[in-house]
N, C-alpha and C. Protein backbone atom coordinates (compact mmCIF):
# COMPACT_ATOMS: atom_id res chain seq x y z
N UNK A 1 -16.06 108.47 73.02
CA UNK A 1 -17.24 107.64 72.92
C UNK A 1 -17.92 107.91 71.59
N UNK A 2 -18.15 106.86 70.83
CA UNK A 2 -18.78 106.98 69.52
C UNK A 2 -20.29 107.10 69.68
N UNK A 3 -20.86 108.11 69.04
CA UNK A 3 -22.30 108.31 69.10
C UNK A 3 -22.96 107.54 67.95
N UNK A 4 -24.03 106.85 68.26
CA UNK A 4 -24.78 106.14 67.24
C UNK A 4 -25.86 107.05 66.69
N UNK A 5 -26.01 107.02 65.39
CA UNK A 5 -27.08 107.80 64.77
C UNK A 5 -28.42 107.20 65.18
N UNK A 6 -29.43 108.03 65.38
CA UNK A 6 -30.74 107.47 65.72
C UNK A 6 -31.27 106.64 64.55
N UNK A 7 -32.06 105.64 64.89
CA UNK A 7 -32.65 104.79 63.86
C UNK A 7 -33.65 105.60 63.04
N UNK A 8 -33.70 105.32 61.75
CA UNK A 8 -34.71 105.90 60.87
C UNK A 8 -36.00 105.09 61.04
N UNK A 9 -37.14 105.73 60.92
CA UNK A 9 -38.42 105.05 61.03
C UNK A 9 -39.07 104.95 59.65
N UNK A 10 -39.64 103.78 59.39
CA UNK A 10 -40.22 103.48 58.08
C UNK A 10 -41.61 102.90 58.28
N UNK A 11 -42.58 103.43 57.55
CA UNK A 11 -43.93 102.87 57.54
C UNK A 11 -44.20 102.31 56.15
N UNK A 12 -44.44 101.00 56.09
CA UNK A 12 -44.82 100.33 54.84
C UNK A 12 -46.34 100.26 54.78
N UNK A 13 -46.91 100.61 53.63
CA UNK A 13 -48.36 100.68 53.48
C UNK A 13 -48.81 99.85 52.28
N UNK A 14 -49.83 99.03 52.49
CA UNK A 14 -50.56 98.40 51.39
C UNK A 14 -52.04 98.39 51.80
N UNK A 15 -52.89 97.95 50.93
CA UNK A 15 -54.32 98.12 51.15
C UNK A 15 -54.81 97.47 52.44
N UNK A 16 -54.59 96.17 52.59
CA UNK A 16 -55.17 95.45 53.73
C UNK A 16 -54.20 95.23 54.89
N UNK A 17 -52.95 95.61 54.74
CA UNK A 17 -51.93 95.35 55.76
C UNK A 17 -51.97 93.87 56.13
N UNK A 18 -52.07 93.04 55.10
CA UNK A 18 -52.23 91.61 55.31
C UNK A 18 -51.05 90.80 54.78
N UNK A 19 -50.37 91.30 53.73
CA UNK A 19 -49.30 90.51 53.10
C UNK A 19 -48.05 91.35 52.89
N UNK A 20 -48.04 92.18 51.85
CA UNK A 20 -46.82 92.86 51.42
C UNK A 20 -46.23 93.79 52.48
N UNK A 21 -47.04 94.61 53.08
CA UNK A 21 -46.50 95.53 54.09
C UNK A 21 -46.03 94.78 55.33
N UNK A 22 -46.71 93.69 55.67
CA UNK A 22 -46.28 92.88 56.82
C UNK A 22 -44.92 92.23 56.53
N UNK A 23 -44.76 91.71 55.31
CA UNK A 23 -43.49 91.10 54.92
C UNK A 23 -42.37 92.14 54.96
N UNK A 24 -42.63 93.31 54.39
CA UNK A 24 -41.61 94.36 54.35
C UNK A 24 -41.21 94.81 55.75
N UNK A 25 -42.19 95.00 56.63
CA UNK A 25 -41.91 95.38 58.01
C UNK A 25 -41.00 94.35 58.67
N UNK A 26 -41.36 93.09 58.56
CA UNK A 26 -40.58 92.02 59.21
C UNK A 26 -39.18 91.93 58.64
N UNK A 27 -39.05 92.03 57.32
CA UNK A 27 -37.73 91.90 56.70
C UNK A 27 -36.82 93.07 57.06
N UNK A 28 -37.34 94.30 57.00
CA UNK A 28 -36.48 95.44 57.32
C UNK A 28 -36.03 95.38 58.78
N UNK A 29 -36.94 95.04 59.68
CA UNK A 29 -36.56 94.92 61.09
C UNK A 29 -35.55 93.80 61.31
N UNK A 30 -35.68 92.71 60.57
CA UNK A 30 -34.77 91.57 60.71
C UNK A 30 -33.39 91.87 60.13
N UNK A 31 -33.36 92.42 58.93
CA UNK A 31 -32.09 92.59 58.22
C UNK A 31 -31.34 93.84 58.68
N UNK A 32 -32.06 94.94 58.83
CA UNK A 32 -31.41 96.23 59.14
C UNK A 32 -31.98 96.87 60.40
N UNK A 33 -32.39 96.05 61.36
CA UNK A 33 -32.98 96.55 62.59
C UNK A 33 -32.04 97.39 63.43
N UNK A 34 -30.75 97.33 63.15
CA UNK A 34 -29.80 98.17 63.87
C UNK A 34 -29.85 99.62 63.38
N UNK A 35 -30.44 99.84 62.17
CA UNK A 35 -30.48 101.19 61.60
C UNK A 35 -31.89 101.70 61.36
N UNK A 36 -32.88 100.79 61.32
CA UNK A 36 -34.25 101.17 61.01
C UNK A 36 -35.22 100.52 61.97
N UNK A 37 -36.33 101.22 62.22
CA UNK A 37 -37.48 100.64 62.89
C UNK A 37 -38.63 100.71 61.90
N UNK A 38 -39.13 99.54 61.53
CA UNK A 38 -40.18 99.47 60.53
C UNK A 38 -41.53 99.17 61.16
N UNK A 39 -42.56 99.74 60.55
CA UNK A 39 -43.95 99.52 60.93
C UNK A 39 -44.71 99.24 59.64
N UNK A 40 -45.96 98.81 59.78
CA UNK A 40 -46.81 98.63 58.61
C UNK A 40 -48.25 98.99 58.95
N UNK A 41 -48.98 99.40 57.91
CA UNK A 41 -50.39 99.77 58.07
C UNK A 41 -51.10 99.57 56.74
N UNK A 42 -52.43 99.63 56.80
CA UNK A 42 -53.23 99.47 55.59
C UNK A 42 -54.26 100.56 55.45
N UNK A 43 -54.61 100.86 54.20
CA UNK A 43 -55.65 101.85 53.94
C UNK A 43 -57.03 101.27 54.26
N UNK A 44 -57.15 99.95 54.20
CA UNK A 44 -58.40 99.24 54.53
C UNK A 44 -58.00 97.93 55.22
N UNK A 45 -57.49 98.02 56.48
CA UNK A 45 -56.94 96.83 57.13
C UNK A 45 -57.98 95.75 57.36
N UNK A 46 -57.55 94.52 57.16
CA UNK A 46 -58.44 93.37 57.39
C UNK A 46 -57.81 92.48 58.45
N UNK A 47 -57.22 91.40 58.02
CA UNK A 47 -56.47 90.55 58.95
C UNK A 47 -55.25 90.00 58.23
N UNK A 48 -54.23 89.69 59.00
CA UNK A 48 -53.01 89.20 58.41
C UNK A 48 -53.23 87.84 57.75
N UNK A 49 -52.71 87.69 56.56
CA UNK A 49 -52.83 86.44 55.81
C UNK A 49 -51.98 85.36 56.48
N UNK A 50 -52.55 84.22 56.83
CA UNK A 50 -51.79 83.17 57.52
C UNK A 50 -50.63 82.62 56.69
N UNK A 51 -50.69 82.73 55.38
CA UNK A 51 -49.58 82.24 54.56
C UNK A 51 -48.33 83.10 54.73
N UNK A 52 -48.50 84.36 55.15
CA UNK A 52 -47.34 85.21 55.44
C UNK A 52 -46.55 84.60 56.60
N UNK A 53 -47.25 84.15 57.63
CA UNK A 53 -46.58 83.53 58.76
C UNK A 53 -45.77 82.31 58.31
N UNK A 54 -46.34 81.55 57.38
CA UNK A 54 -45.67 80.36 56.88
C UNK A 54 -44.40 80.71 56.11
N UNK A 55 -44.51 81.62 55.14
CA UNK A 55 -43.32 81.93 54.33
C UNK A 55 -42.26 82.69 55.11
N UNK A 56 -42.66 83.46 56.11
CA UNK A 56 -41.66 84.15 56.93
C UNK A 56 -40.98 83.17 57.88
N UNK A 57 -41.72 82.20 58.38
CA UNK A 57 -41.09 81.21 59.26
C UNK A 57 -40.06 80.38 58.52
N UNK A 58 -40.21 80.25 57.21
CA UNK A 58 -39.19 79.56 56.40
C UNK A 58 -37.86 80.29 56.43
N UNK A 59 -37.87 81.56 56.79
CA UNK A 59 -36.65 82.36 56.92
C UNK A 59 -36.29 82.58 58.40
N UNK A 60 -36.94 81.81 59.27
CA UNK A 60 -36.75 81.94 60.72
C UNK A 60 -37.11 83.33 61.23
N UNK A 61 -38.14 83.93 60.64
CA UNK A 61 -38.66 85.22 61.11
C UNK A 61 -40.06 84.98 61.64
N UNK A 62 -40.26 85.28 62.92
CA UNK A 62 -41.54 85.05 63.59
C UNK A 62 -42.40 86.29 63.48
N UNK A 63 -43.53 86.17 62.80
CA UNK A 63 -44.47 87.29 62.68
C UNK A 63 -45.79 86.97 63.38
N UNK A 64 -45.77 85.99 64.26
CA UNK A 64 -47.00 85.57 64.93
C UNK A 64 -47.60 86.69 65.79
N UNK A 65 -46.79 87.66 66.19
CA UNK A 65 -47.27 88.78 67.01
C UNK A 65 -47.78 89.95 66.15
N UNK A 66 -47.63 89.87 64.84
CA UNK A 66 -48.10 90.93 63.94
C UNK A 66 -49.62 90.88 63.79
N UNK A 67 -50.21 92.03 63.55
CA UNK A 67 -51.64 92.12 63.24
C UNK A 67 -51.86 93.31 62.31
N UNK A 68 -52.95 93.29 61.58
CA UNK A 68 -53.26 94.38 60.64
C UNK A 68 -53.67 95.63 61.41
N UNK A 69 -53.19 96.78 60.91
CA UNK A 69 -53.44 98.07 61.55
C UNK A 69 -53.81 99.10 60.49
N UNK A 70 -54.57 100.09 60.89
CA UNK A 70 -54.91 101.20 60.00
C UNK A 70 -53.94 102.36 60.16
N UNK A 71 -54.10 103.36 59.31
CA UNK A 71 -53.23 104.54 59.33
C UNK A 71 -53.25 105.30 60.64
N UNK A 72 -54.43 105.35 61.27
CA UNK A 72 -54.59 106.22 62.43
C UNK A 72 -53.60 105.90 63.55
N UNK A 73 -53.16 104.67 63.63
CA UNK A 73 -52.20 104.26 64.65
C UNK A 73 -50.89 105.05 64.54
N UNK A 74 -50.58 105.52 63.33
CA UNK A 74 -49.28 106.13 63.08
C UNK A 74 -49.33 107.63 62.83
N UNK A 75 -50.49 108.26 63.02
CA UNK A 75 -50.61 109.69 62.74
C UNK A 75 -49.69 110.55 63.61
N UNK A 76 -49.38 110.09 64.81
CA UNK A 76 -48.53 110.88 65.71
C UNK A 76 -47.10 110.33 65.80
N UNK A 77 -46.79 109.29 65.03
CA UNK A 77 -45.45 108.69 65.06
C UNK A 77 -44.56 109.44 64.09
N UNK A 78 -43.40 109.93 64.56
CA UNK A 78 -42.49 110.60 63.62
C UNK A 78 -41.90 109.57 62.65
N UNK A 79 -42.10 109.80 61.36
CA UNK A 79 -41.67 108.85 60.33
C UNK A 79 -40.67 109.51 59.39
N UNK A 80 -39.61 108.77 59.08
CA UNK A 80 -38.66 109.25 58.09
C UNK A 80 -39.09 108.87 56.67
N UNK A 81 -39.68 107.69 56.53
CA UNK A 81 -40.12 107.19 55.23
C UNK A 81 -41.55 106.66 55.33
N UNK A 82 -42.35 106.96 54.34
CA UNK A 82 -43.66 106.33 54.15
C UNK A 82 -43.59 105.69 52.77
N UNK A 83 -43.72 104.36 52.73
CA UNK A 83 -43.52 103.63 51.48
C UNK A 83 -44.76 102.81 51.15
N UNK A 84 -45.39 103.14 50.03
CA UNK A 84 -46.55 102.37 49.58
C UNK A 84 -46.06 101.22 48.71
N UNK A 85 -46.71 100.06 48.89
CA UNK A 85 -46.28 98.85 48.21
C UNK A 85 -47.31 98.33 47.20
N UNK A 86 -48.39 99.07 47.00
CA UNK A 86 -49.36 98.71 45.97
C UNK A 86 -49.97 100.02 45.45
N UNK A 87 -50.44 99.97 44.21
CA UNK A 87 -50.95 101.18 43.57
C UNK A 87 -52.17 101.75 44.28
N UNK A 88 -53.05 100.88 44.78
CA UNK A 88 -54.26 101.35 45.47
C UNK A 88 -53.88 102.11 46.74
N UNK A 89 -52.92 101.60 47.49
CA UNK A 89 -52.49 102.29 48.71
C UNK A 89 -51.83 103.62 48.38
N UNK A 90 -51.12 103.68 47.28
CA UNK A 90 -50.49 104.95 46.86
C UNK A 90 -51.54 106.03 46.67
N UNK A 91 -52.67 105.64 46.07
CA UNK A 91 -53.74 106.61 45.81
C UNK A 91 -54.46 107.04 47.09
N UNK A 92 -54.55 106.16 48.08
CA UNK A 92 -55.34 106.47 49.28
C UNK A 92 -54.49 106.82 50.50
N UNK A 93 -53.18 106.84 50.36
CA UNK A 93 -52.31 107.09 51.51
C UNK A 93 -52.41 108.55 51.95
N UNK A 94 -52.75 108.76 53.22
CA UNK A 94 -52.86 110.13 53.71
C UNK A 94 -51.48 110.76 53.93
N UNK A 95 -51.50 112.05 54.19
CA UNK A 95 -50.28 112.75 54.56
C UNK A 95 -49.94 112.40 56.00
N UNK A 96 -48.68 112.10 56.24
CA UNK A 96 -48.21 111.84 57.60
C UNK A 96 -47.26 112.96 57.99
N UNK A 97 -47.58 113.69 59.07
CA UNK A 97 -46.66 114.73 59.52
C UNK A 97 -45.30 114.10 59.82
N UNK A 98 -44.28 114.71 59.33
CA UNK A 98 -42.94 114.19 59.58
C UNK A 98 -42.53 113.09 58.63
N UNK A 99 -43.43 112.63 57.77
CA UNK A 99 -43.06 111.62 56.78
C UNK A 99 -42.19 112.30 55.73
N UNK A 100 -40.90 112.42 56.04
CA UNK A 100 -40.01 113.23 55.22
C UNK A 100 -39.89 112.75 53.78
N UNK A 101 -39.94 111.45 53.57
CA UNK A 101 -39.74 110.91 52.23
C UNK A 101 -40.82 109.89 51.92
N UNK A 102 -41.52 110.12 50.82
CA UNK A 102 -42.53 109.15 50.35
C UNK A 102 -41.95 108.41 49.16
N UNK A 103 -42.05 107.10 49.22
CA UNK A 103 -41.59 106.26 48.12
C UNK A 103 -42.73 105.33 47.71
N UNK A 104 -42.65 104.84 46.49
CA UNK A 104 -43.63 103.86 46.02
C UNK A 104 -42.90 102.77 45.27
N UNK A 105 -43.21 101.55 45.62
CA UNK A 105 -42.67 100.37 44.92
C UNK A 105 -43.76 99.32 44.95
N UNK A 106 -44.38 99.08 43.81
CA UNK A 106 -45.51 98.16 43.76
C UNK A 106 -45.04 96.71 43.59
N UNK A 107 -45.64 95.84 44.39
CA UNK A 107 -45.40 94.40 44.31
C UNK A 107 -46.75 93.72 44.06
N UNK A 108 -46.72 92.64 43.28
CA UNK A 108 -47.95 91.89 42.99
C UNK A 108 -48.52 91.30 44.27
N UNK A 109 -49.84 91.23 44.33
CA UNK A 109 -50.53 90.64 45.47
C UNK A 109 -50.61 89.13 45.25
N UNK A 110 -49.89 88.33 46.04
CA UNK A 110 -49.91 86.88 45.80
C UNK A 110 -51.25 86.24 46.10
N UNK A 111 -52.11 86.90 46.87
CA UNK A 111 -53.42 86.32 47.18
C UNK A 111 -54.35 86.32 45.96
N UNK A 112 -54.01 87.12 44.95
CA UNK A 112 -54.83 87.16 43.74
C UNK A 112 -54.52 86.00 42.80
N UNK A 113 -53.44 85.27 43.07
CA UNK A 113 -53.06 84.14 42.23
C UNK A 113 -53.96 82.95 42.55
N UNK A 114 -54.44 82.32 41.52
CA UNK A 114 -55.30 81.14 41.70
C UNK A 114 -54.55 79.91 41.18
N UNK A 115 -54.23 79.00 42.08
CA UNK A 115 -53.52 77.78 41.71
C UNK A 115 -53.64 76.77 42.84
N UNK A 116 -52.97 75.66 42.69
CA UNK A 116 -52.98 74.68 43.77
C UNK A 116 -52.13 75.20 44.94
N UNK A 117 -52.12 74.46 46.03
CA UNK A 117 -51.45 74.93 47.24
C UNK A 117 -49.97 75.23 47.00
N UNK A 118 -49.26 74.33 46.35
CA UNK A 118 -47.82 74.53 46.14
C UNK A 118 -47.54 75.72 45.22
N UNK A 119 -48.37 75.89 44.18
CA UNK A 119 -48.20 77.04 43.29
C UNK A 119 -48.47 78.35 44.05
N UNK A 120 -49.48 78.32 44.89
CA UNK A 120 -49.81 79.49 45.70
C UNK A 120 -48.67 79.82 46.66
N UNK A 121 -48.15 78.81 47.33
CA UNK A 121 -47.03 79.03 48.26
C UNK A 121 -45.83 79.60 47.51
N UNK A 122 -45.57 79.10 46.33
CA UNK A 122 -44.45 79.62 45.54
C UNK A 122 -44.66 81.07 45.16
N UNK A 123 -45.89 81.48 44.92
CA UNK A 123 -46.18 82.88 44.61
C UNK A 123 -45.91 83.76 45.84
N UNK A 124 -46.29 83.29 47.02
CA UNK A 124 -46.00 84.03 48.25
C UNK A 124 -44.50 84.12 48.48
N UNK A 125 -43.80 83.04 48.24
CA UNK A 125 -42.33 83.05 48.39
C UNK A 125 -41.70 84.03 47.40
N UNK A 126 -42.20 84.05 46.19
CA UNK A 126 -41.68 84.95 45.17
C UNK A 126 -41.86 86.41 45.61
N UNK A 127 -43.04 86.74 46.11
CA UNK A 127 -43.30 88.11 46.60
C UNK A 127 -42.36 88.43 47.76
N UNK A 128 -42.23 87.50 48.71
CA UNK A 128 -41.33 87.71 49.85
C UNK A 128 -39.91 87.97 49.36
N UNK A 129 -39.44 87.15 48.43
CA UNK A 129 -38.06 87.27 47.95
C UNK A 129 -37.85 88.56 47.15
N UNK A 130 -38.86 88.97 46.38
CA UNK A 130 -38.75 90.25 45.65
C UNK A 130 -38.68 91.42 46.62
N UNK A 131 -39.48 91.38 47.67
CA UNK A 131 -39.44 92.45 48.69
C UNK A 131 -38.09 92.45 49.38
N UNK A 132 -37.59 91.28 49.72
CA UNK A 132 -36.27 91.17 50.38
C UNK A 132 -35.17 91.76 49.50
N UNK A 133 -35.16 91.39 48.23
CA UNK A 133 -34.14 91.92 47.31
C UNK A 133 -34.23 93.44 47.22
N UNK A 134 -35.45 93.96 47.14
CA UNK A 134 -35.63 95.40 47.05
C UNK A 134 -35.16 96.10 48.34
N UNK A 135 -35.50 95.53 49.49
CA UNK A 135 -35.07 96.12 50.77
C UNK A 135 -33.54 96.14 50.86
N UNK A 136 -32.90 95.07 50.44
CA UNK A 136 -31.43 95.02 50.50
C UNK A 136 -30.81 96.08 49.59
N UNK A 137 -31.42 96.34 48.44
CA UNK A 137 -30.91 97.39 47.52
C UNK A 137 -31.23 98.79 48.04
N UNK A 138 -32.44 98.97 48.52
CA UNK A 138 -32.90 100.31 48.93
C UNK A 138 -32.30 100.77 50.27
N UNK A 139 -32.15 99.84 51.21
CA UNK A 139 -31.75 100.22 52.57
C UNK A 139 -30.36 99.73 52.97
N UNK A 140 -29.75 98.88 52.16
CA UNK A 140 -28.47 98.27 52.51
C UNK A 140 -27.29 99.19 52.44
């Protein structure tokens, strides 16, 4: 009987847990959910950006059940990786017991882009696609 290795746990962190960390959580669970369990949190959680739901649904990934969470939710969760996705979160990310490996990969915040609706949507898609490419390289 072949034994399966336990899944690695990953916590993605950005400031508001509204865009980048939510996208990363959904993508890692979708693409490599057989090997990883991903979570997300924010240093200053607000609410999930509705445009994330739109751009993720374009990839047939449902994030309607996601919501913004703070760090405290994960203080007792054994984590293999803690990954910050913005510079501000890197500075404010607390120590997580068991967070064996800390990584940082900064992605631009698409909500800071000011343009018409289609330009804004394209910026969200660009961020999603950059995170997806990075996840495929880092975890594939």
